[in-house]
Protein backbone atom coordinates (compact mmCIF):
# COMPACT_ATOMS: atom_id res chain seq x y z
CA MET A 1 109.12 95.14 55.79
CA ASN A 2 112.80 95.71 56.37
CA PRO A 3 114.53 96.94 53.17
CA ALA A 4 117.97 96.21 54.58
CA GLN A 5 117.01 92.58 55.18
CA SER A 6 115.59 92.11 51.69
CA LEU A 7 118.47 93.91 49.90
CA LEU A 8 121.41 92.56 51.90
CA GLY A 9 120.06 89.02 52.34
CA PRO A 10 122.54 86.71 54.10
CA LEU A 11 124.81 89.62 55.07
CA TYR A 12 121.96 91.13 57.10
CA ASP A 13 121.34 87.77 58.76
CA LEU A 14 125.03 87.60 59.64
CA TYR A 15 124.86 91.09 61.18
CA VAL A 16 121.81 90.15 63.26
CA SER A 17 123.22 86.83 64.45
CA ALA A 18 126.56 88.39 65.38
CA LEU A 19 125.42 91.71 66.85
CA GLY A 20 121.80 91.22 67.88
CA GLN A 21 118.58 92.51 66.35
CA THR A 22 118.92 96.24 67.12
CA VAL A 23 122.62 96.72 66.37
CA GLY A 24 122.42 94.38 63.37
CA MET A 25 119.56 96.44 61.94
CA ILE A 26 121.52 99.67 62.44
CA VAL A 27 124.65 98.20 60.83
CA GLY A 28 122.50 96.91 57.96
CA TYR A 29 121.06 100.37 57.31
CA VAL A 30 124.52 101.94 57.55
CA THR A 31 125.76 99.41 55.00
CA LEU A 32 122.90 100.32 52.64
CA VAL A 33 123.61 104.03 53.03
CA GLY A 34 127.32 103.42 52.40
CA ILE A 35 126.65 101.41 49.24
CA THR A 36 124.22 104.05 47.99
CA ALA A 37 126.72 106.84 48.70
CA LEU A 38 129.50 104.95 46.92
CA VAL A 39 127.35 104.37 43.83
CA TRP A 40 126.25 108.02 43.82
CA TRP A 41 129.86 109.22 44.15
CA MET A 42 131.00 106.94 41.33
CA LEU A 43 128.21 108.21 39.06
CA ALA A 44 128.94 111.83 39.94
CA ASN A 45 132.67 111.40 39.30
CA ARG A 46 132.52 108.86 36.48
CA ASN A 47 135.08 110.68 34.31
CA GLU A 48 137.67 110.63 37.09
CA VAL A 49 136.90 106.97 37.84
CA ILE A 50 137.25 106.00 34.18
CA SER A 51 140.51 107.91 33.73
CA GLY A 52 141.91 106.76 37.09
CA LEU A 53 141.20 103.10 36.39
CA ASP A 54 142.34 103.50 32.77
CA LEU A 55 139.19 101.87 31.45
CA ARG A 56 139.50 101.34 27.71
CA ALA A 57 137.71 98.93 25.41
CA ALA A 58 140.73 96.61 25.24
CA LYS A 59 141.14 96.53 29.01
CA ILE A 60 137.44 95.86 29.57
CA GLY A 61 137.61 93.08 26.97
CA ASN A 62 140.58 91.54 28.79
CA MET A 63 138.68 91.68 32.10
CA LEU A 64 135.63 90.01 30.56
CA PHE A 65 137.84 87.33 29.01
CA LEU A 66 139.50 86.64 32.36
CA LEU A 67 136.12 86.41 34.12
CA PHE A 68 134.85 84.01 31.45
CA LEU A 69 138.05 81.96 31.73
CA GLY A 70 137.70 81.88 35.52
CA ALA A 71 134.11 80.65 35.32
CA ILE A 72 135.09 77.90 32.88
CA LEU A 73 138.10 76.87 34.95
CA TYR A 74 136.07 76.76 38.17
CA SER A 75 133.39 74.61 36.58
CA VAL A 76 136.02 72.23 35.19
CA MET A 77 137.94 72.06 38.46
CA SER A 78 134.86 71.46 40.61
CA GLY A 79 132.70 69.46 38.21
CA THR A 80 135.05 67.39 36.09
CA PHE A 81 137.98 66.97 38.45
CA GLY A 82 135.92 66.95 41.66
CA PHE A 83 138.04 69.47 43.56
CA PRO A 84 136.57 70.82 46.82
CA PHE A 85 135.52 74.48 46.87
CA ILE A 86 138.79 75.84 48.30
CA GLY A 87 140.90 73.80 45.90
CA ALA A 88 138.85 74.81 42.86
CA ILE A 89 138.90 78.51 43.82
CA SER A 90 142.63 78.54 44.57
CA MET A 91 143.52 76.75 41.32
CA THR A 92 141.20 79.04 39.35
CA LEU A 93 142.61 82.20 40.93
CA THR A 94 146.22 81.20 40.39
CA SER A 95 145.53 80.19 36.78
CA VAL A 96 143.65 83.40 35.99
CA LEU A 97 146.30 85.55 37.68
CA PHE A 98 149.01 83.79 35.68
CA MET A 99 147.04 84.36 32.47
CA HIS A 100 146.63 88.04 33.40
CA TRP A 101 150.37 88.33 34.01
CA CYS A 102 151.07 86.73 30.63
CA MET A 103 148.62 89.07 28.89
CA THR A 104 150.11 92.21 30.43
CA ASN A 105 153.79 91.30 30.10
CA PHE A 106 153.88 89.56 26.74
CA GLU A 107 151.50 91.68 24.70
CA GLY A 108 154.15 93.85 23.05
CA GLU A 109 154.43 97.53 22.30
CA PRO A 110 151.59 99.45 20.65
CA ILE A 111 152.33 100.57 17.10
């Protein structure tokens, strides 16, 4: 059993098809080690990550709202309007980015 193949899935298959079995396996394991190290570093330095990204309840709520809006817009663009994948993604991204701009620039001063 290859843990890199089961955890990375199609990315591992891409590595193997592009680089060959041996090099693809090595790159897959290096990717797993890198992801594990990044998660460990973020957990070890969570206070610095939270303060550096300015994560507050309102900002997290805005992010969740934008993700929800993006999912709804993508389903409407692809399902109802029949846009192809690239068209639906580009329209969704531009709409969500515009909504984010409106939320950050028009929200007013805190009291």
